[in-house]
Amino acid sequence: YALFMAGKQWGGSYAAAGGAMAGVARMKDFNGDVLKAGDSWTDNRYNPSYFSPGFYTAFGAAWSGVNAANYPVLDACDQQFSGASDGLVPDWCQPTGAPMAPSGAQVTSGTLCPEGQACYTYDAARTPWRIGFDACTGGAGASAYITRLLTKFNAAYENGARIDLMKAGWGSTGAALETAVDNEMAFIGPMGVAAMASASGTAMRDRAFR
C-alpha cells in the first residue's frame, strides 16, 4: 500500500512494484477470497486483525471479492466470541467464527489471557485500526463494525473521553481481563483510528490523540 501511495505522489514504478507484491499476496495468502493465517498455513485458522479492507480496495479488480467474503467472517468472529456483537473479536478464530486459543507463542505481555482460552489481546487490538482505516477511506462495509465497537467502548470509558484507561486485554465474557494493564497504546491508538470514522467517536478520537 505504501508503494501505491508513492506512485500517487511521485509516479514512476512504485505502483507497478506495489501491484506485483499485492499479486503475490493474493495468490498465496487466501483460500479463494478468505484470508489464511499465512502462506504456509493450511489449517482452519483465521486472524481478524490480518483483514485489511482499506488496502485491498486500492489493489484493483483482482481483490474485488475479498472484502465481501471477509466482512461476514469478521462479523461471525465478533458474534461468537462474546455473543454480544460488540466489536470484540478474539486474536484467532475459525472462518466459521468459532473462537480459538492462540497456537504457540504469542505476545500477551500486560494481558495475561488464561492459557488455552481465546482473548482480545495484541493481535485483535489491531482490528479497529484495520476497519477504521477502511471506513476513513470510504469503505462500504466498515460502518456496522465501527458502530458496534464504539458503542461498547463509549459506554465503558465516559463516552470515549477516557479511552486512555482502556484495558489491554478482554475476555469472552465481554469484560476486561482482571490482570490487564491500562494505558497501552497498542490498544488505544487503533481505537482512535476507529473513532475517526464516526461522529460518535469525537471524544475518543481526541483523547486517543492527546
C-alpha atoms as a PDB file:
ATOM      1  CA  TYR A   1       0.000   0.000   0.000  1.00  0.00           C
ATOM      2  CA  ALA A   2       2.920   2.339   0.720  1.00  0.00           C
ATOM      3  CA  LEU A   3       4.145   1.713  -2.826  1.00  0.00           C
ATOM      4  CA  PHE A   4       0.722   2.614  -4.217  1.00  0.00           C
ATOM      5  CA  MET A   5       0.834   5.819  -2.171  1.00  0.00           C
ATOM      6  CA  ALA A   6       4.311   6.587  -3.512  1.00  0.00           C
ATOM      7  CA  GLY A   7       3.040   6.059  -7.046  1.00  0.00           C
ATOM      8  CA  LYS A   8       0.274   8.598  -6.449  1.00  0.00           C
ATOM      9  CA  GLN A   9       2.770  11.096  -5.073  1.00  0.00           C
ATOM     10  CA  TRP A  10       5.767  10.648  -7.369  1.00  0.00           C
ATOM     11  CA  GLY A  11       4.717   8.398 -10.269  1.00  0.00           C
ATOM     12  CA  GLY A  12       7.449   6.153 -11.624  1.00  0.00           C
ATOM     13  CA  SER A  13       7.480   2.410 -10.999  1.00  0.00           C
ATOM     14  CA  TYR A  14       6.226   2.452  -7.410  1.00  0.00           C
ATOM     15  CA  ALA A  15       2.639   1.449  -8.224  1.00  0.00           C
ATOM     16  CA  ALA A  16       3.805  -1.374 -10.504  1.00  0.00           C
ATOM     17  CA  ALA A  17       6.026  -2.707  -7.724  1.00  0.00           C
ATOM     18  CA  GLY A  18       3.133  -2.484  -5.290  1.00  0.00           C
ATOM     19  CA  GLY A  19       0.859  -4.278  -7.714  1.00  0.00           C
ATOM     20  CA  ALA A  20       3.381  -7.082  -8.134  1.00  0.00           C
ATOM     21  CA  MET A  21       3.701  -7.511  -4.374  1.00  0.00           C
ATOM     22  CA  ALA A  22      -0.076  -7.454  -3.939  1.00  0.00           C
ATOM     23  CA  GLY A  23      -0.435 -10.067  -6.672  1.00  0.00           C
ATOM     24  CA  VAL A  24       1.834 -12.483  -4.824  1.00  0.00           C
ATOM     25  CA  ALA A  25      -0.124 -11.934  -1.609  1.00  0.00           C
ATOM     26  CA  ARG A  26      -3.390 -12.534  -3.439  1.00  0.00           C
ATOM     27  CA  MET A  27      -2.088 -15.847  -4.754  1.00  0.00           C
ATOM     28  CA  LYS A  28      -0.504 -17.148  -1.555  1.00  0.00           C
ATOM     29  CA  ASP A  29      -2.405 -15.739   1.409  1.00  0.00           C
ATOM     30  CA  PHE A  30      -6.021 -16.647   0.600  1.00  0.00           C
ATOM     31  CA  ASN A  31      -8.269 -19.660   0.275  1.00  0.00           C
ATOM     32  CA  GLY A  32     -10.410 -18.341  -2.549  1.00  0.00           C
ATOM     33  CA  ASP A  33     -11.333 -14.907  -1.196  1.00  0.00           C
ATOM     34  CA  VAL A  34     -10.920 -15.726   2.515  1.00  0.00           C
ATOM     35  CA  LEU A  35      -7.699 -14.875   4.323  1.00  0.00           C
ATOM     36  CA  LYS A  36      -5.411 -17.624   5.526  1.00  0.00           C
ATOM     37  CA  ALA A  37      -3.186 -17.318   8.581  1.00  0.00           C
ATOM     38  CA  GLY A  38      -0.201 -17.165   6.228  1.00  0.00           C
ATOM     39  CA  ASP A  39       1.085 -18.735   3.054  1.00  0.00           C
ATOM     40  CA  SER A  40       2.453 -21.809   4.866  1.00  0.00           C
ATOM     41  CA  TRP A  41      -0.691 -22.382   6.946  1.00  0.00           C
ATOM     42  CA  THR A  42      -3.239 -24.935   5.846  1.00  0.00           C
ATOM     43  CA  ASP A  43      -5.351 -25.333   8.996  1.00  0.00           C
ATOM     44  CA  ASN A  44      -8.747 -23.796   9.612  1.00  0.00           C
ATOM     45  CA  ARG A  45      -7.475 -20.681  11.396  1.00  0.00           C
ATOM     46  CA  TYR A  46      -8.401 -17.021  10.898  1.00  0.00           C
ATOM     47  CA  ASN A  47      -6.893 -13.843  12.342  1.00  0.00           C
ATOM     48  CA  PRO A  48      -9.357 -10.913  12.182  1.00  0.00           C
ATOM     49  CA  SER A  49      -6.559  -8.367  12.555  1.00  0.00           C
ATOM     50  CA  TYR A  50      -4.956  -9.529   9.286  1.00  0.00           C
ATOM     51  CA  PHE A  51      -8.035  -8.365   7.350  1.00  0.00           C
ATOM     52  CA  SER A  52      -7.058  -5.009   5.770  1.00  0.00           C
ATOM     53  CA  PRO A  53     -10.006  -3.988   3.593  1.00  0.00           C
ATOM     54  CA  GLY A  54      -8.868  -0.413   3.006  1.00  0.00           C
ATOM     55  CA  PHE A  55      -5.711  -1.707   1.360  1.00  0.00           C
ATOM     56  CA  TYR A  56      -7.482  -4.286  -0.776  1.00  0.00           C
ATOM     57  CA  THR A  57      -9.739  -1.702  -2.376  1.00  0.00           C
ATOM     58  CA  ALA A  58      -6.660   0.088  -3.677  1.00  0.00           C
ATOM     59  CA  PHE A  59      -5.122  -3.087  -5.105  1.00  0.00           C
ATOM     60  CA  GLY A  60      -7.536  -3.390  -8.016  1.00  0.00           C
ATOM     61  CA  ALA A  61     -10.071  -5.673  -9.609  1.00  0.00           C
ATOM     62  CA  ALA A  62      -8.407  -8.950  -8.588  1.00  0.00           C
ATOM     63  CA  TRP A  63      -9.308  -8.093  -4.988  1.00  0.00           C
ATOM     64  CA  SER A  64     -12.945  -7.250  -5.630  1.00  0.00           C
ATOM     65  CA  GLY A  65     -14.357 -10.286  -3.797  1.00  0.00           C
ATOM     66  CA  VAL A  66     -12.097 -10.168  -0.748  1.00  0.00           C
ATOM     67  CA  ASN A  67     -13.919  -7.574   1.329  1.00  0.00           C
ATOM     68  CA  ALA A  68     -17.315  -9.113   0.602  1.00  0.00           C
ATOM     69  CA  ALA A  69     -16.009 -12.515   1.721  1.00  0.00           C
ATOM     70  CA  ASN A  70     -14.157 -11.405   4.842  1.00  0.00           C
ATOM     71  CA  TYR A  71     -16.537  -8.907   6.441  1.00  0.00           C
ATOM     72  CA  PRO A  72     -19.021 -11.742   7.196  1.00  0.00           C
ATOM     73  CA  VAL A  73     -16.172 -13.742   8.774  1.00  0.00           C
ATOM     74  CA  LEU A  74     -15.259 -10.736  10.932  1.00  0.00           C
ATOM     75  CA  ASP A  75     -18.900 -10.368  11.965  1.00  0.00           C
ATOM     76  CA  ALA A  76     -19.122 -14.078  12.828  1.00  0.00           C
ATOM     77  CA  CYS A  77     -15.959 -13.885  14.955  1.00  0.00           C
ATOM     78  CA  ASP A  78     -17.426 -10.848  16.730  1.00  0.00           C
ATOM     79  CA  GLN A  79     -20.761 -12.558  17.403  1.00  0.00           C
ATOM     80  CA  GLN A  80     -19.361 -15.873  18.604  1.00  0.00           C
ATOM     81  CA  PHE A  81     -16.591 -14.508  20.831  1.00  0.00           C
ATOM     82  CA  SER A  82     -18.792 -12.942  23.492  1.00  0.00           C
ATOM     83  CA  GLY A  83     -22.217 -13.494  21.982  1.00  0.00           C
ATOM     84  CA  ALA A  84     -22.838  -9.759  22.087  1.00  0.00           C
ATOM     85  CA  SER A  85     -21.697  -8.465  18.670  1.00  0.00           C
ATOM     86  CA  ASP A  86     -19.914  -5.634  20.470  1.00  0.00           C
ATOM     87  CA  GLY A  87     -16.837  -5.283  18.266  1.00  0.00           C
ATOM     88  CA  LEU A  88     -14.656  -7.555  20.377  1.00  0.00           C
ATOM     89  CA  VAL A  89     -13.018 -10.287  18.333  1.00  0.00           C
ATOM     90  CA  PRO A  90     -10.539 -12.898  19.533  1.00  0.00           C
ATOM     91  CA  ASP A  91      -6.937 -12.918  18.372  1.00  0.00           C
ATOM     92  CA  TRP A  92      -7.783 -16.114  16.488  1.00  0.00           C
ATOM     93  CA  CYS A  93     -10.993 -17.736  15.339  1.00  0.00           C
ATOM     94  CA  GLN A  94     -12.180 -20.143  12.679  1.00  0.00           C
ATOM     95  CA  PRO A  95     -13.638 -18.902   9.389  1.00  0.00           C
ATOM     96  CA  THR A  96     -16.976 -20.001  10.825  1.00  0.00           C
ATOM     97  CA  GLY A  97     -16.479 -17.500  13.670  1.00  0.00           C
ATOM     98  CA  ALA A  98     -15.741 -20.020  16.423  1.00  0.00           C
ATOM     99  CA  PRO A  99     -13.090 -18.600  18.814  1.00  0.00           C
ATOM    100  CA  MET A 100      -9.708 -20.348  19.027  1.00  0.00           C
ATOM    101  CA  ALA A 101      -6.917 -20.148  21.567  1.00  0.00           C
ATOM    102  CA  PRO A 102      -3.559 -18.986  20.163  1.00  0.00           C
ATOM    103  CA  SER A 103      -1.264 -21.608  18.690  1.00  0.00           C
ATOM    104  CA  GLY A 104       2.255 -21.410  20.094  1.00  0.00           C
ATOM    105  CA  ALA A 105       3.988 -18.286  21.357  1.00  0.00           C
ATOM    106  CA  GLN A 106       2.071 -15.013  21.171  1.00  0.00           C
ATOM    107  CA  VAL A 107       2.645 -11.557  22.598  1.00  0.00           C
ATOM    108  CA  THR A 108       0.358 -11.268  25.611  1.00  0.00           C
ATOM    109  CA  SER A 109       2.506  -9.173  27.969  1.00  0.00           C
ATOM    110  CA  GLY A 110       0.286  -6.951  30.078  1.00  0.00           C
ATOM    111  CA  THR A 111      -2.822  -9.008  29.405  1.00  0.00           C
ATOM    112  CA  LEU A 112      -2.303 -12.487  30.887  1.00  0.00           C
ATOM    113  CA  CYS A 113      -5.013 -14.208  28.898  1.00  0.00           C
ATOM    114  CA  PRO A 114      -5.652 -17.561  30.605  1.00  0.00           C
ATOM    115  CA  GLU A 115      -3.812 -20.363  28.837  1.00  0.00           C
ATOM    116  CA  GLY A 116      -5.977 -22.259  26.388  1.00  0.00           C
ATOM    117  CA  GLN A 117      -8.587 -19.508  26.124  1.00  0.00           C
ATOM    118  CA  ALA A 118      -9.407 -17.072  23.341  1.00  0.00           C
ATOM    119  CA  CYS A 119      -8.974 -13.382  24.199  1.00  0.00           C
ATOM    120  CA  TYR A 120      -8.865  -9.926  22.619  1.00  0.00           C
ATOM    121  CA  THR A 121      -5.185  -9.061  23.101  1.00  0.00           C
ATOM    122  CA  TYR A 122      -2.306  -7.750  20.981  1.00  0.00           C
ATOM    123  CA  ASP A 123      -3.404  -9.333  17.703  1.00  0.00           C
ATOM    124  CA  ALA A 124      -7.087  -8.438  17.919  1.00  0.00           C
ATOM    125  CA  ALA A 125      -6.240  -4.933  19.164  1.00  0.00           C
ATOM    126  CA  ARG A 126      -5.196  -4.036  15.599  1.00  0.00           C
ATOM    127  CA  THR A 127      -8.660  -4.738  14.198  1.00  0.00           C
ATOM    128  CA  PRO A 128     -10.149  -1.284  14.964  1.00  0.00           C
ATOM    129  CA  TRP A 129      -7.263   0.274  13.042  1.00  0.00           C
ATOM    130  CA  ARG A 130      -7.765  -2.007  10.024  1.00  0.00           C
ATOM    131  CA  ILE A 131     -11.521  -1.464   9.855  1.00  0.00           C
ATOM    132  CA  GLY A 132     -11.303   2.189  10.882  1.00  0.00           C
ATOM    133  CA  PHE A 133      -8.874   2.804   8.036  1.00  0.00           C
ATOM    134  CA  ASP A 134     -11.366   1.270   5.613  1.00  0.00           C
ATOM    135  CA  ALA A 135     -14.139   3.475   6.962  1.00  0.00           C
ATOM    136  CA  CYS A 136     -11.999   6.616   6.796  1.00  0.00           C
ATOM    137  CA  THR A 137     -11.130   5.907   3.156  1.00  0.00           C
ATOM    138  CA  GLY A 138     -14.720   5.312   2.095  1.00  0.00           C
ATOM    139  CA  GLY A 139     -15.092   1.551   2.568  1.00  0.00           C
ATOM    140  CA  ALA A 140     -18.703   0.500   2.323  1.00  0.00           C
ATOM    141  CA  GLY A 141     -18.576  -2.465   4.707  1.00  0.00           C
ATOM    142  CA  ALA A 142     -16.943  -0.887   7.756  1.00  0.00           C
ATOM    143  CA  SER A 143     -19.649   1.199   9.410  1.00  0.00           C
ATOM    144  CA  ALA A 144     -21.595  -1.601  11.131  1.00  0.00           C
ATOM    145  CA  TYR A 145     -18.495  -2.965  12.887  1.00  0.00           C
ATOM    146  CA  ILE A 146     -17.311   0.529  13.855  1.00  0.00           C
ATOM    147  CA  THR A 147     -20.725   1.352  15.328  1.00  0.00           C
ATOM    148  CA  ARG A 148     -20.747  -1.786  17.469  1.00  0.00           C
ATOM    149  CA  LEU A 149     -17.211  -1.195  18.709  1.00  0.00           C
ATOM    150  CA  LEU A 150     -17.709   2.469  19.598  1.00  0.00           C
ATOM    151  CA  THR A 151     -20.998   1.705  21.345  1.00  0.00           C
ATOM    152  CA  LYS A 152     -19.163  -0.686  23.660  1.00  0.00           C
ATOM    153  CA  PHE A 153     -16.183   1.479  24.473  1.00  0.00           C
ATOM    154  CA  ASN A 154     -18.012   4.793  24.645  1.00  0.00           C
ATOM    155  CA  ALA A 155     -20.166   3.210  27.339  1.00  0.00           C
ATOM    156  CA  ALA A 156     -17.136   1.839  29.181  1.00  0.00           C
ATOM    157  CA  TYR A 157     -14.992   4.979  29.121  1.00  0.00           C
ATOM    158  CA  GLU A 158     -17.053   8.146  29.662  1.00  0.00           C
ATOM    159  CA  ASN A 159     -18.311   8.449  26.087  1.00  0.00           C
ATOM    160  CA  GLY A 160     -14.781   7.717  24.917  1.00  0.00           C
ATOM    161  CA  ALA A 161     -13.232  10.674  26.761  1.00  0.00           C
ATOM    162  CA  ARG A 162     -11.178   8.329  28.981  1.00  0.00           C
ATOM    163  CA  ILE A 163     -10.160   5.762  26.384  1.00  0.00           C
ATOM    164  CA  ASP A 164      -6.650   6.182  27.822  1.00  0.00           C
ATOM    165  CA  LEU A 165      -7.858   3.869  30.596  1.00  0.00           C
ATOM    166  CA  MET A 166      -8.760   1.092  28.164  1.00  0.00           C
ATOM    167  CA  LYS A 167      -7.581  -2.247  29.477  1.00  0.00           C
ATOM    168  CA  ALA A 168      -5.041  -4.211  27.433  1.00  0.00           C
ATOM    169  CA  GLY A 169      -6.977  -7.458  27.217  1.00  0.00           C
ATOM    170  CA  TRP A 170     -10.615  -8.586  27.094  1.00  0.00           C
ATOM    171  CA  GLY A 171     -12.181 -11.988  27.614  1.00  0.00           C
ATOM    172  CA  SER A 172     -15.072 -13.870  26.078  1.00  0.00           C
ATOM    173  CA  THR A 173     -17.465 -12.520  28.717  1.00  0.00           C
ATOM    174  CA  GLY A 174     -17.020  -9.067  27.178  1.00  0.00           C
ATOM    175  CA  ALA A 175     -15.249  -7.830  30.309  1.00  0.00           C
ATOM    176  CA  ALA A 176     -11.656  -6.700  30.706  1.00  0.00           C
ATOM    177  CA  LEU A 177      -9.260  -9.353  31.956  1.00  0.00           C
ATOM    178  CA  GLU A 178      -8.652  -8.895  35.674  1.00  0.00           C
ATOM    179  CA  THR A 179      -4.883  -8.723  35.245  1.00  0.00           C
ATOM    180  CA  ALA A 180      -4.847  -6.440  32.189  1.00  0.00           C
ATOM    181  CA  VAL A 181      -2.933  -3.175  32.468  1.00  0.00           C
ATOM    182  CA  ASP A 182      -4.213   0.126  31.071  1.00  0.00           C
ATOM    183  CA  ASN A 183      -2.690   2.965  29.034  1.00  0.00           C
ATOM    184  CA  GLU A 184      -1.325   0.631  26.320  1.00  0.00           C
ATOM    185  CA  MET A 185      -1.070   2.488  23.026  1.00  0.00           C
ATOM    186  CA  ALA A 186      -1.256  -0.787  21.075  1.00  0.00           C
ATOM    187  CA  PHE A 187      -4.922  -0.773  22.163  1.00  0.00           C
ATOM    188  CA  ILE A 188      -5.693   2.951  22.409  1.00  0.00           C
ATOM    189  CA  GLY A 189      -4.204   4.027  19.065  1.00  0.00           C
ATOM    190  CA  PRO A 190      -6.324   1.648  16.957  1.00  0.00           C
ATOM    191  CA  MET A 191      -9.422   2.783  18.863  1.00  0.00           C
ATOM    192  CA  GLY A 192      -8.541   6.349  17.936  1.00  0.00           C
ATOM    193  CA  VAL A 193      -8.486   5.388  14.260  1.00  0.00           C
ATOM    194  CA  ALA A 194     -11.886   3.696  14.579  1.00  0.00           C
ATOM    195  CA  ALA A 195     -13.223   6.789  16.323  1.00  0.00           C
ATOM    196  CA  MET A 196     -12.111   8.969  13.404  1.00  0.00           C
ATOM    197  CA  ALA A 197     -14.671   7.168  11.264  1.00  0.00           C
ATOM    198  CA  SER A 198     -17.803   8.107  13.230  1.00  0.00           C
ATOM    199  CA  ALA A 199     -19.489  11.216  14.581  1.00  0.00           C
ATOM    200  CA  SER A 200     -19.998   9.309  17.842  1.00  0.00           C
ATOM    201  CA  GLY A 201     -16.224   8.965  18.233  1.00  0.00           C
ATOM    202  CA  THR A 202     -15.200  12.603  18.607  1.00  0.00           C
ATOM    203  CA  ALA A 203     -14.274  12.495  22.302  1.00  0.00           C
ATOM    204  CA  MET A 204     -12.500   9.147  21.910  1.00  0.00           C
ATOM    205  CA  ARG A 205     -10.588  10.349  18.865  1.00  0.00           C
ATOM    206  CA  ASP A 206      -9.372  13.481  20.627  1.00  0.00           C
ATOM    207  CA  ARG A 207      -8.381  11.660  23.814  1.00  0.00           C
ATOM    208  CA  ALA A 208      -6.511   8.961  21.911  1.00  0.00           C
ATOM    209  CA  PHE A 209      -4.625  11.664  20.013  1.00  0.00           C
ATOM    210  CA  ARG A 210      -3.676  13.532  23.186  1.00  0.00           C
END
